[in-house]
């Protein structure tokens, strides 16, 4: 009887464990140095395009982030090849929020109507 009770409790605990579900966000792939606002590149040289700024900052050691309505969210899997492809772009990013970072599974450009 005790084994049966322990088994039943184990099954209940396993079935009540929350699973992280994939979500989709619309936002811009940026970098951790600039976040939501890319500044002027150098004194008197004007503002770099977002894509070039993000690429330069990542080359300099910054991490990719997703900016949604001004809120900056960290990206866990920095090795995702689509991050470099879409640096500076406005995208639809799909992944799982784990803690305070997103683990990216897919990035795509939004469709134009």
PDB file of N, CA and C in Angstrom:
ATOM      1  N   UNK A   1       0.827  -1.199   0.000  1.00  0.00           N
ATOM      2  CA  UNK A   1       0.000   0.000   0.000  1.00  0.00           C
ATOM      3  C   UNK A   1       0.869   1.260   0.000  1.00  0.00           C
ATOM      4  N   UNK A   2       1.944   1.255   0.776  1.00  0.00           N
ATOM      5  CA  UNK A   2       2.827   2.421   0.851  1.00  0.00           C
ATOM      6  C   UNK A   2       3.461   2.712  -0.502  1.00  0.00           C
ATOM      7  N   UNK A   3       3.882   1.658  -1.214  1.00  0.00           N
ATOM      8  CA  UNK A   3       4.480   1.857  -2.532  1.00  0.00           C
ATOM      9  C   UNK A   3       3.473   2.467  -3.499  1.00  0.00           C
ATOM     10  N   UNK A   4       2.243   2.010  -3.422  1.00  0.00           N
ATOM     11  CA  UNK A   4       1.196   2.546  -4.291  1.00  0.00           C
ATOM     12  C   UNK A   4       0.943   4.018  -3.977  1.00  0.00           C
ATOM     13  N   UNK A   5       0.922   4.371  -2.705  1.00  0.00           N
ATOM     14  CA  UNK A   5       0.714   5.757  -2.303  1.00  0.00           C
ATOM     15  C   UNK A   5       1.875   6.637  -2.767  1.00  0.00           C
ATOM     16  N   UNK A   6       3.102   6.170  -2.611  1.00  0.00           N
ATOM     17  CA  UNK A   6       4.272   6.924  -3.060  1.00  0.00           C
ATOM     18  C   UNK A   6       4.243   7.115  -4.581  1.00  0.00           C
ATOM     19  N   UNK A   7       3.842   6.065  -5.295  1.00  0.00           N
ATOM     20  CA  UNK A   7       3.744   6.159  -6.747  1.00  0.00           C
ATOM     21  C   UNK A   7       2.698   7.205  -7.144  1.00  0.00           C
ATOM     22  N   UNK A   8       1.554   7.201  -6.485  1.00  0.00           N
ATOM     23  CA  UNK A   8       0.493   8.155  -6.794  1.00  0.00           C
ATOM     24  C   UNK A   8       0.945   9.593  -6.520  1.00  0.00           C
ATOM     25  N   UNK A   9       1.657   9.803  -5.424  1.00  0.00           N
ATOM     26  CA  UNK A   9       2.163  11.133  -5.098  1.00  0.00           C
ATOM     27  C   UNK A   9       3.181  11.571  -6.145  1.00  0.00           C
ATOM     28  N   UNK A  10       4.062  10.673  -6.561  1.00  0.00           N
ATOM     29  CA  UNK A  10       5.066  10.995  -7.582  1.00  0.00           C
ATOM     30  C   UNK A  10       4.405  11.385  -8.898  1.00  0.00           C
ATOM     31  N   UNK A  11       3.361  10.658  -9.293  1.00  0.00           N
ATOM     32  CA  UNK A  11       2.644  10.972 -10.532  1.00  0.00           C
ATOM     33  C   UNK A  11       1.983  12.337 -10.426  1.00  0.00           C
ATOM     34  N   UNK A  12       1.368  12.643  -9.290  1.00  0.00           N
ATOM     35  CA  UNK A  12       0.730  13.945  -9.105  1.00  0.00           C
ATOM     36  C   UNK A  12       1.745  15.081  -9.155  1.00  0.00           C
ATOM     37  N   UNK A  13       2.881  14.901  -8.509  1.00  0.00           N
ATOM     38  CA  UNK A  13       3.914  15.938  -8.523  1.00  0.00           C
ATOM     39  C   UNK A  13       4.463  16.147  -9.930  1.00  0.00           C
ATOM     40  N   UNK A  14       4.679  15.075 -10.653  1.00  0.00           N
ATOM     41  CA  UNK A  14       5.221  15.187 -12.015  1.00  0.00           C
ATOM     42  C   UNK A  14       4.226  15.871 -12.940  1.00  0.00           C
ATOM     43  N   UNK A  15       2.956  15.596 -12.779  1.00  0.00           N
ATOM     44  CA  UNK A  15       1.953  16.186 -13.665  1.00  0.00           C
ATOM     45  C   UNK A  15       1.652  17.640 -13.309  1.00  0.00           C
ATOM     46  N   UNK A  16       1.999  18.071 -12.096  1.00  0.00           N
ATOM     47  CA  UNK A  16       1.720  19.449 -11.715  1.00  0.00           C
ATOM     48  C   UNK A  16       2.917  20.370 -11.947  1.00  0.00           C
ATOM     49  N   UNK A  17       4.036  19.817 -12.430  1.00  0.00           N
ATOM     50  CA  UNK A  17       5.201  20.644 -12.717  1.00  0.00           C
ATOM     51  C   UNK A  17       4.909  21.533 -13.914  1.00  0.00           C
ATOM     52  N   UNK A  18       5.079  22.841 -13.758  1.00  0.00           N
ATOM     53  CA  UNK A  18       4.781  23.727 -14.892  1.00  0.00           C
ATOM     54  C   UNK A  18       5.830  23.588 -15.991  1.00  0.00           C
ATOM     55  N   UNK A  19       5.372  23.596 -17.218  1.00  0.00           N
ATOM     56  CA  UNK A  19       6.257  23.545 -18.373  1.00  0.00           C
ATOM     57  C   UNK A  19       6.282  24.929 -19.007  1.00  0.00           C
ATOM     58  N   UNK A  20       7.461  25.358 -19.376  1.00  0.00           N
ATOM     59  CA  UNK A  20       7.574  26.652 -20.049  1.00  0.00           C
ATOM     60  C   UNK A  20       7.023  26.498 -21.464  1.00  0.00           C
ATOM     61  N   UNK A  21       6.136  27.373 -21.819  1.00  0.00           N
ATOM     62  CA  UNK A  21       5.536  27.322 -23.151  1.00  0.00           C
ATOM     63  C   UNK A  21       6.197  28.353 -24.044  1.00  0.00           C
ATOM     64  N   UNK A  22       6.298  28.029 -25.311  1.00  0.00           N
ATOM     65  CA  UNK A  22       6.852  28.983 -26.260  1.00  0.00           C
ATOM     66  C   UNK A  22       5.903  30.158 -26.408  1.00  0.00           C
ATOM     67  N   UNK A  23       6.495  31.332 -26.567  1.00  0.00           N
ATOM     68  CA  UNK A  23       5.752  32.565 -26.783  1.00  0.00           C
ATOM     69  C   UNK A  23       6.370  33.276 -27.976  1.00  0.00           C
ATOM     70  N   UNK A  24       5.653  34.240 -28.511  1.00  0.00           N
ATOM     71  CA  UNK A  24       6.181  35.042 -29.610  1.00  0.00           C
ATOM     72  C   UNK A  24       6.080  36.508 -29.231  1.00  0.00           C
ATOM     73  N   UNK A  25       7.174  37.232 -29.473  1.00  0.00           N
ATOM     74  CA  UNK A  25       7.245  38.664 -29.203  1.00  0.00           C
ATOM     75  C   UNK A  25       7.560  39.396 -30.492  1.00  0.00           C
ATOM     76  N   UNK A  26       7.068  40.605 -30.631  1.00  0.00           N
ATOM     77  CA  UNK A  26       7.432  41.483 -31.745  1.00  0.00           C
ATOM     78  C   UNK A  26       8.301  42.582 -31.162  1.00  0.00           C
ATOM     79  N   UNK A  27       9.515  42.705 -31.694  1.00  0.00           N
ATOM     80  CA  UNK A  27      10.427  43.704 -31.171  1.00  0.00           C
ATOM     81  C   UNK A  27      11.661  43.816 -32.036  1.00  0.00           C
ATOM     82  N   UNK A  28      12.667  44.514 -31.538  1.00  0.00           N
ATOM     83  CA  UNK A  28      13.896  44.740 -32.290  1.00  0.00           C
ATOM     84  C   UNK A  28      15.063  44.009 -31.633  1.00  0.00           C
ATOM     85  N   UNK A  29      15.890  43.357 -32.474  1.00  0.00           N
ATOM     86  CA  UNK A  29      17.122  42.756 -31.986  1.00  0.00           C
ATOM     87  C   UNK A  29      18.131  43.888 -31.829  1.00  0.00           C
ATOM     88  N   UNK A  30      18.564  44.116 -30.599  1.00  0.00           N
ATOM     89  CA  UNK A  30      19.522  45.168 -30.320  1.00  0.00           C
ATOM     90  C   UNK A  30      20.692  44.557 -29.547  1.00  0.00           C
ATOM     91  N   UNK A  31      21.437  45.405 -28.852  1.00  0.00           N
ATOM     92  CA  UNK A  31      22.585  44.928 -28.078  1.00  0.00           C
ATOM     93  C   UNK A  31      22.498  45.471 -26.657  1.00  0.00           C
ATOM     94  N   UNK A  32      23.194  44.812 -25.738  1.00  0.00           N
ATOM     95  CA  UNK A  32      23.102  45.179 -24.330  1.00  0.00           C
ATOM     96  C   UNK A  32      23.731  46.537 -24.014  1.00  0.00           C
ATOM     97  N   UNK A  33      24.633  47.031 -24.845  1.00  0.00           N
ATOM     98  CA  UNK A  33      25.229  48.345 -24.598  1.00  0.00           C
ATOM     99  C   UNK A  33      24.243  49.465 -24.917  1.00  0.00           C
ATOM    100  N   UNK A  34      23.533  49.342 -26.024  1.00  0.00           N
ATOM    101  CA  UNK A  34      22.604  50.394 -26.460  1.00  0.00           C
ATOM    102  C   UNK A  34      21.187  50.155 -25.976  1.00  0.00           C
ATOM    103  N   UNK A  35      20.777  48.902 -25.871  1.00  0.00           N
ATOM    104  CA  UNK A  35      19.420  48.599 -25.442  1.00  0.00           C
ATOM    105  C   UNK A  35      18.387  49.177 -26.375  1.00  0.00           C
ATOM    106  N   UNK A  36      17.513  50.008 -25.828  1.00  0.00           N
ATOM    107  CA  UNK A  36      16.406  50.553 -26.612  1.00  0.00           C
ATOM    108  C   UNK A  36      16.791  51.788 -27.416  1.00  0.00           C
ATOM    109  N   UNK A  37      17.963  52.361 -27.151  1.00  0.00           N
ATOM    110  CA  UNK A  37      18.307  53.620 -27.818  1.00  0.00           C
ATOM    111  C   UNK A  37      19.748  53.598 -28.311  1.00  0.00           C
ATOM    112  N   UNK A  38      19.910  53.621 -29.612  1.00  0.00           N
ATOM    113  CA  UNK A  38      21.238  53.708 -30.212  1.00  0.00           C
ATOM    114  C   UNK A  38      21.629  55.184 -30.254  1.00  0.00           C
ATOM    115  N   UNK A  39      22.798  55.474 -29.747  1.00  0.00           N
ATOM    116  CA  UNK A  39      23.269  56.856 -29.661  1.00  0.00           C
ATOM    117  C   UNK A  39      24.139  57.214 -30.863  1.00  0.00           C
ATOM    118  N   UNK A  40      24.614  58.433 -30.855  1.00  0.00           N
ATOM    119  CA  UNK A  40      25.501  58.916 -31.900  1.00  0.00           C
ATOM    120  C   UNK A  40      26.793  58.097 -31.882  1.00  0.00           C
ATOM    121  N   UNK A  41      27.282  57.710 -33.044  1.00  0.00           N
ATOM    122  CA  UNK A  41      28.450  56.842 -33.164  1.00  0.00           C
ATOM    123  C   UNK A  41      29.705  57.472 -32.573  1.00  0.00           C
ATOM    124  N   UNK A  42      30.026  58.647 -32.973  1.00  0.00           N
ATOM    125  CA  UNK A  42      31.187  59.366 -32.460  1.00  0.00           C
ATOM    126  C   UNK A  42      30.911  60.847 -32.628  1.00  0.00           C
ATOM    127  N   UNK A  43      31.586  61.632 -31.872  1.00  0.00           N
ATOM    128  CA  UNK A  43      31.350  63.069 -31.902  1.00  0.00           C
ATOM    129  C   UNK A  43      31.369  63.627 -33.325  1.00  0.00           C
ATOM    130  N   UNK A  44      30.260  64.192 -33.724  1.00  0.00           N
ATOM    131  CA  UNK A  44      30.183  64.837 -35.022  1.00  0.00           C
ATOM    132  C   UNK A  44      29.932  63.903 -36.197  1.00  0.00           C
ATOM    133  N   UNK A  45      29.885  62.607 -35.981  1.00  0.00           N
ATOM    134  CA  UNK A  45      29.715  61.675 -37.098  1.00  0.00           C
ATOM    135  C   UNK A  45      28.271  61.219 -37.283  1.00  0.00           C
ATOM    136  N   UNK A  46      27.387  61.645 -36.431  1.00  0.00           N
ATOM    137  CA  UNK A  46      25.982  61.285 -36.578  1.00  0.00           C
ATOM    138  C   UNK A  46      25.677  59.889 -36.044  1.00  0.00           C
ATOM    139  N   UNK A  47      24.409  59.564 -36.118  1.00  0.00           N
ATOM    140  CA  UNK A  47      23.927  58.278 -35.601  1.00  0.00           C
ATOM    141  C   UNK A  47      24.119  57.181 -36.634  1.00  0.00           C
ATOM    142  N   UNK A  48      24.650  56.039 -36.183  1.00  0.00           N
ATOM    143  CA  UNK A  48      24.776  54.869 -37.063  1.00  0.00           C
ATOM    144  C   UNK A  48      23.396  54.245 -37.237  1.00  0.00           C
ATOM    145  N   UNK A  49      23.145  53.596 -38.357  1.00  0.00           N
ATOM    146  CA  UNK A  49      21.909  52.810 -38.480  1.00  0.00           C
ATOM    147  C   UNK A  49      21.879  51.728 -37.384  1.00  0.00           C
ATOM    148  N   UNK A  50      20.676  51.393 -36.919  1.00  0.00           N
ATOM    149  CA  UNK A  50      20.533  50.426 -35.825  1.00  0.00           C
ATOM    150  C   UNK A  50      21.268  49.118 -36.101  1.00  0.00           C
ATOM    151  N   UNK A  51      21.173  48.620 -37.330  1.00  0.00           N
ATOM    152  CA  UNK A  51      21.818  47.343 -37.666  1.00  0.00           C
ATOM    153  C   UNK A  51      23.336  47.432 -37.496  1.00  0.00           C
ATOM    154  N   UNK A  52      23.937  48.484 -38.056  1.00  0.00           N
ATOM    155  CA  UNK A  52      25.393  48.642 -37.965  1.00  0.00           C
ATOM    156  C   UNK A  52      25.838  48.845 -36.519  1.00  0.00           C
ATOM    157  N   UNK A  53      25.074  49.606 -35.760  1.00  0.00           N
ATOM    158  CA  UNK A  53      25.402  49.855 -34.358  1.00  0.00           C
ATOM    159  C   UNK A  53      25.357  48.556 -33.561  1.00  0.00           C
ATOM    160  N   UNK A  54      24.300  47.769 -33.751  1.00  0.00           N
ATOM    161  CA  UNK A  54      24.172  46.491 -33.045  1.00  0.00           C
ATOM    162  C   UNK A  54      25.329  45.565 -33.393  1.00  0.00           C
ATOM    163  N   UNK A  55      25.647  45.465 -34.667  1.00  0.00           N
ATOM    164  CA  UNK A  55      26.754  44.610 -35.093  1.00  0.00           C
ATOM    165  C   UNK A  55      28.071  45.067 -34.473  1.00  0.00           C
ATOM    166  N   UNK A  56      28.336  46.371 -34.471  1.00  0.00           N
ATOM    167  CA  UNK A  56      29.580  46.902 -33.909  1.00  0.00           C
ATOM    168  C   UNK A  56      29.652  46.651 -32.403  1.00  0.00           C
ATOM    169  N   UNK A  57      28.556  46.866 -31.706  1.00  0.00           N
ATOM    170  CA  UNK A  57      28.555  46.662 -30.254  1.00  0.00           C
ATOM    171  C   UNK A  57      28.752  45.191 -29.895  1.00  0.00           C
ATOM    172  N   UNK A  58      28.137  44.280 -30.660  1.00  0.00           N
ATOM    173  CA  UNK A  58      28.309  42.848 -30.402  1.00  0.00           C
ATOM    174  C   UNK A  58      29.754  42.440 -30.676  1.00  0.00           C
ATOM    175  N   UNK A  59      30.338  42.963 -31.755  1.00  0.00           N
ATOM    176  CA  UNK A  59      31.763  42.689 -32.017  1.00  0.00           C
ATOM    177  C   UNK A  59      32.626  43.178 -30.854  1.00  0.00           C
ATOM    178  N   UNK A  60      32.196  44.243 -30.208  1.00  0.00           N
ATOM    179  CA  UNK A  60      32.932  44.813 -29.080  1.00  0.00           C
ATOM    180  C   UNK A  60      32.662  44.132 -27.750  1.00  0.00           C
ATOM    181  N   UNK A  61      31.817  43.093 -27.754  1.00  0.00           N
ATOM    182  CA  UNK A  61      31.588  42.332 -26.518  1.00  0.00           C
ATOM    183  C   UNK A  61      30.196  42.416 -25.930  1.00  0.00           C
ATOM    184  N   UNK A  62      29.334  43.247 -26.486  1.00  0.00           N
ATOM    185  CA  UNK A  62      27.957  43.314 -25.993  1.00  0.00           C
ATOM    186  C   UNK A  62      27.203  42.042 -26.361  1.00  0.00           C
ATOM    187  N   UNK A  63      26.078  41.837 -25.726  1.00  0.00           N
ATOM    188  CA  UNK A  63      25.217  40.677 -25.982  1.00  0.00           C
ATOM    189  C   UNK A  63      23.977  41.127 -26.741  1.00  0.00           C
ATOM    190  N   UNK A  64      23.415  40.220 -27.528  1.00  0.00           N
ATOM    191  CA  UNK A  64      22.146  40.501 -28.197  1.00  0.00           C
ATOM    192  C   UNK A  64      21.033  40.566 -27.146  1.00  0.00           C
ATOM    193  N   UNK A  65      20.072  41.461 -27.364  1.00  0.00           N
ATOM    194  CA  UNK A  65      18.885  41.582 -26.526  1.00  0.00           C
ATOM    195  C   UNK A  65      17.677  41.789 -27.438  1.00  0.00           C
ATOM    196  N   UNK A  66      16.497  41.615 -26.884  1.00  0.00           N
ATOM    197  CA  UNK A  66      15.259  41.917 -27.596  1.00  0.00           C
ATOM    198  C   UNK A  66      14.620  43.121 -26.916  1.00  0.00           C
ATOM    199  N   UNK A  67      14.270  44.130 -27.706  1.00  0.00           N
ATOM    200  CA  UNK A  67      13.612  45.329 -27.177  1.00  0.00           C
ATOM    201  C   UNK A  67      12.163  45.322 -27.649  1.00  0.00           C
ATOM    202  N   UNK A  68      11.241  45.287 -26.694  1.00  0.00           N
ATOM    203  CA  UNK A  68       9.807  45.307 -26.986  1.00  0.00           C
ATOM    204  C   UNK A  68       9.201  46.494 -26.251  1.00  0.00           C
ATOM    205  N   UNK A  69       8.708  47.461 -27.011  1.00  0.00           N
ATOM    206  CA  UNK A  69       8.080  48.662 -26.449  1.00  0.00           C
ATOM    207  C   UNK A  69       8.965  49.305 -25.381  1.00  0.00           C
ATOM    208  N   UNK A  70      10.255  49.429 -25.662  1.00  0.00           N
ATOM    209  CA  UNK A  70      11.190  50.072 -24.753  1.00  0.00           C
ATOM    210  C   UNK A  70      11.754  49.191 -23.656  1.00  0.00           C
ATOM    211  N   UNK A  71      11.204  47.991 -23.486  1.00  0.00           N
ATOM    212  CA  UNK A  71      11.685  47.078 -22.446  1.00  0.00           C
ATOM    213  C   UNK A  71      12.737  46.141 -23.045  1.00  0.00           C
ATOM    214  N   UNK A  72      13.896  46.065 -22.385  1.00  0.00           N
ATOM    215  CA  UNK A  72      15.015  45.255 -22.865  1.00  0.00           C
ATOM    216  C   UNK A  72      14.993  43.901 -22.160  1.00  0.00           C
ATOM    217  N   UNK A  73      15.007  42.816 -22.955  1.00  0.00           N
ATOM    218  CA  UNK A  73      15.016  41.455 -22.412  1.00  0.00           C
ATOM    219  C   UNK A  73      16.262  40.728 -22.904  1.00  0.00           C
ATOM    220  N   UNK A  74      16.948  40.084 -21.979  1.00  0.00           N
ATOM    221  CA  UNK A  74      18.153  39.338 -22.307  1.00  0.00           C
ATOM    222  C   UNK A  74      17.811  38.116 -23.166  1.00  0.00           C
ATOM    223  N   UNK A  75      18.774  37.672 -23.963  1.00  0.00           N
ATOM    224  CA  UNK A  75      18.624  36.467 -24.777  1.00  0.00           C
ATOM    225  C   UNK A  75      19.646  35.458 -24.271  1.00  0.00           C
ATOM    226  N   UNK A  76      19.169  34.267 -23.913  1.00  0.00           N
ATOM    227  CA  UNK A  76      20.029  33.259 -23.296  1.00  0.00           C
ATOM    228  C   UNK A  76      20.986  32.602 -24.287  1.00  0.00           C
ATOM    229  N   UNK A  77      20.485  32.208 -25.430  1.00  0.00           N
ATOM    230  CA  UNK A  77      21.307  31.462 -26.390  1.00  0.00           C
ATOM    231  C   UNK A  77      21.903  32.398 -27.434  1.00  0.00           C
ATOM    232  N   UNK A  78      22.973  33.065 -27.041  1.00  0.00           N
ATOM    233  CA  UNK A  78      23.651  34.046 -27.889  1.00  0.00           C
ATOM    234  C   UNK A  78      24.235  33.436 -29.157  1.00  0.00           C
ATOM    235  N   UNK A  79      24.378  32.118 -29.195  1.00  0.00           N
ATOM    236  CA  UNK A  79      24.958  31.446 -30.360  1.00  0.00           C
ATOM    237  C   UNK A  79      23.934  31.171 -31.464  1.00  0.00           C
ATOM    238  N   UNK A  80      22.682  31.558 -31.272  1.00  0.00           N
ATOM    239  CA  UNK A  80      21.667  31.361 -32.310  1.00  0.00           C
ATOM    240  C   UNK A  80      22.065  32.183 -33.539  1.00  0.00           C
ATOM    241  N   UNK A  81      22.266  31.509 -34.678  1.00  0.00           N
ATOM    242  CA  UNK A  81      22.767  32.166 -35.899  1.00  0.00           C
ATOM    243  C   UNK A  81      21.826  33.244 -36.428  1.00  0.00           C
ATOM    244  N   UNK A  82      20.550  33.132 -36.135  1.00  0.00           N
ATOM    245  CA  UNK A  82      19.587  34.115 -36.626  1.00  0.00           C
ATOM    246  C   UNK A  82      19.721  35.469 -35.930  1.00  0.00           C
ATOM    247  N   UNK A  83      20.365  35.525 -34.776  1.00  0.00           N
ATOM    248  CA  UNK A  83      20.572  36.800 -34.099  1.00  0.00           C
ATOM    249  C   UNK A  83      21.449  37.718 -34.944  1.00  0.00           C
ATOM    250  N   UNK A  84      22.547  37.171 -35.469  1.00  0.00           N
ATOM    251  CA  UNK A  84      23.438  37.977 -36.312  1.00  0.00           C
ATOM    252  C   UNK A  84      22.742  38.368 -37.615  1.00  0.00           C
ATOM    253  N   UNK A  85      21.967  37.456 -38.165  1.00  0.00           N
ATOM    254  CA  UNK A  85      21.248  37.721 -39.413  1.00  0.00           C
ATOM    255  C   UNK A  85      20.275  38.884 -39.243  1.00  0.00           C
ATOM    256  N   UNK A  86      19.639  38.971 -38.082  1.00  0.00           N
ATOM    257  CA  UNK A  86      18.584  39.963 -37.864  1.00  0.00           C
ATOM    258  C   UNK A  86      19.000  41.097 -36.925  1.00  0.00           C
ATOM    259  N   UNK A  87      20.285  41.272 -36.688  1.00  0.00           N
ATOM    260  CA  UNK A  87      20.763  42.359 -35.820  1.00  0.00           C
ATOM    261  C   UNK A  87      20.201  43.692 -36.293  1.00  0.00           C
ATOM    262  N   UNK A  88      19.566  44.427 -35.382  1.00  0.00           N
ATOM    263  CA  UNK A  88      19.003  45.732 -35.718  1.00  0.00           C
ATOM    264  C   UNK A  88      17.639  45.698 -36.370  1.00  0.00           C
ATOM    265  N   UNK A  89      17.167  44.519 -36.742  1.00  0.00           N
ATOM    266  CA  UNK A  89      15.865  44.401 -37.421  1.00  0.00           C
ATOM    267  C   UNK A  89      14.715  44.329 -36.417  1.00  0.00           C
ATOM    268  N   UNK A  90      13.541  44.738 -36.876  1.00  0.00           N
ATOM    269  CA  UNK A  90      12.304  44.494 -36.147  1.00  0.00           C
ATOM    270  C   UNK A  90      11.824  43.119 -36.584  1.00  0.00           C
ATOM    271  N   UNK A  91      11.572  42.233 -35.603  1.00  0.00           N
ATOM    272  CA  UNK A  91      11.298  40.828 -35.892  1.00  0.00           C
ATOM    273  C   UNK A  91      10.144  40.296 -35.055  1.00  0.00           C
ATOM    274  N   UNK A  92       9.763  39.084 -35.416  1.00  0.00           N
ATOM    275  CA  UNK A  92       8.889  38.249 -34.570  1.00  0.00           C
ATOM    276  C   UNK A  92       9.803  37.155 -34.037  1.00  0.00           C
ATOM    277  N   UNK A  93      10.009  37.138 -32.720  1.00  0.00           N
ATOM    278  CA  UNK A  93      10.920  36.197 -32.085  1.00  0.00           C
ATOM    279  C   UNK A  93      10.102  35.204 -31.272  1.00  0.00           C
ATOM    280  N   UNK A  94      10.346  33.920 -31.473  1.00  0.00           N
ATOM    281  CA  UNK A  94       9.650  32.868 -30.741  1.00  0.00           C
ATOM    282  C   UNK A  94      10.656  32.173 -29.841  1.00  0.00           C
ATOM    283  N   UNK A  95      10.236  31.870 -28.625  1.00  0.00           N
ATOM    284  CA  UNK A  95      11.109  31.180 -27.687  1.00  0.00           C
ATOM    285  C   UNK A  95      10.432  30.992 -26.351  1.00  0.00           C
ATOM    286  N   UNK A  96      11.231  30.567 -25.369  1.00  0.00           N
ATOM    287  CA  UNK A  96      10.724  30.343 -24.018  1.00  0.00           C
ATOM    288  C   UNK A  96      11.378  31.322 -23.061  1.00  0.00           C
ATOM    289  N   UNK A  97      10.557  31.956 -22.224  1.00  0.00           N
ATOM    290  CA  UNK A  97      11.075  32.832 -21.186  1.00  0.00           C
ATOM    291  C   UNK A  97      11.474  31.940 -20.017  1.00  0.00           C
ATOM    292  N   UNK A  98      12.747  31.972 -19.685  1.00  0.00           N
ATOM    293  CA  UNK A  98      13.274  31.196 -18.552  1.00  0.00           C
ATOM    294  C   UNK A  98      13.941  32.185 -17.619  1.00  0.00           C
ATOM    295  N   UNK A  99      13.293  32.450 -16.498  1.00  0.00           N
ATOM    296  CA  UNK A  99      13.790  33.483 -15.599  1.00  0.00           C
ATOM    297  C   UNK A  99      13.604  34.837 -16.258  1.00  0.00           C
ATOM    298  N   UNK A 100      14.701  35.565 -16.437  1.00  0.00           N
ATOM    299  CA  UNK A 100      14.604  36.895 -17.051  1.00  0.00           C
ATOM    300  C   UNK A 100      15.178  36.924 -18.460  1.00  0.00           C
ATOM    301  N   UNK A 101      15.397  35.740 -19.058  1.00  0.00           N
ATOM    302  CA  UNK A 101      15.972  35.684 -20.409  1.00  0.00           C
ATOM    303  C   UNK A 101      15.142  34.778 -21.309  1.00  0.00           C
ATOM    304  N   UNK A 102      15.174  35.103 -22.592  1.00  0.00           N
ATOM    305  CA  UNK A 102      14.469  34.295 -23.590  1.00  0.00           C
ATOM    306  C   UNK A 102      15.459  33.331 -24.231  1.00  0.00           C
ATOM    307  N   UNK A 103      15.067  32.060 -24.341  1.00  0.00           N
ATOM    308  CA  UNK A 103      15.815  31.101 -25.138  1.00  0.00           C
ATOM    309  C   UNK A 103      15.124  31.047 -26.490  1.00  0.00           C
ATOM    310  N   UNK A 104      15.802  31.546 -27.511  1.00  0.00           N
ATOM    311  CA  UNK A 104      15.219  31.731 -28.841  1.00  0.00           C
ATOM    312  C   UNK A 104      15.140  30.408 -29.592  1.00  0.00           C
ATOM    313  N   UNK A 105      13.981  30.161 -30.221  1.00  0.00           N
ATOM    314  CA  UNK A 105      13.848  28.996 -31.096  1.00  0.00           C
ATOM    315  C   UNK A 105      13.660  29.413 -32.554  1.00  0.00           C
ATOM    316  N   UNK A 106      13.105  30.635 -32.787  1.00  0.00           N
ATOM    317  CA  UNK A 106      12.878  31.070 -34.164  1.00  0.00           C
ATOM    318  C   UNK A 106      12.807  32.596 -34.218  1.00  0.00           C
ATOM    319  N   UNK A 107      13.390  33.146 -35.290  1.00  0.00           N
ATOM    320  CA  UNK A 107      13.301  34.593 -35.541  1.00  0.00           C
ATOM    321  C   UNK A 107      12.891  34.765 -36.991  1.00  0.00           C
ATOM    322  N   UNK A 108      11.883  35.611 -37.221  1.00  0.00           N
ATOM    323  CA  UNK A 108      11.456  35.881 -38.583  1.00  0.00           C
ATOM    324  C   UNK A 108      11.064  37.346 -38.727  1.00  0.00           C
ATOM    325  N   UNK A 109      11.217  37.828 -39.944  1.00  0.00           N
ATOM    326  CA  UNK A 109      10.802  39.191 -40.264  1.00  0.00           C
ATOM    327  C   UNK A 109       9.283  39.202 -40.356  1.00  0.00           C
ATOM    328  N   UNK A 110       8.628  40.260 -39.859  1.00  0.00           N
ATOM    329  CA  UNK A 110       7.177  40.331 -39.979  1.00  0.00           C
ATOM    330  C   UNK A 110       6.763  40.502 -41.439  1.00  0.00           C
ATOM    331  N   UNK A 111       5.602  39.993 -41.761  1.00  0.00           N
ATOM    332  CA  UNK A 111       5.087  40.115 -43.125  1.00  0.00           C
ATOM    333  C   UNK A 111       4.626  41.542 -43.354  1.00  0.00           C
ATOM    334  N   UNK A 112       4.853  42.011 -44.561  1.00  0.00           N
ATOM    335  CA  UNK A 112       4.365  43.343 -44.942  1.00  0.00           C
ATOM    336  C   UNK A 112       3.059  43.169 -45.692  1.00  0.00           C
ATOM    337  N   UNK A 113       2.104  43.992 -45.345  1.00  0.00           N
ATOM    338  CA  UNK A 113       0.794  43.916 -46.015  1.00  0.00           C
ATOM    339  C   UNK A 113       0.745  44.794 -47.220  1.00  0.00           C
TER     340      UNK A 113
END
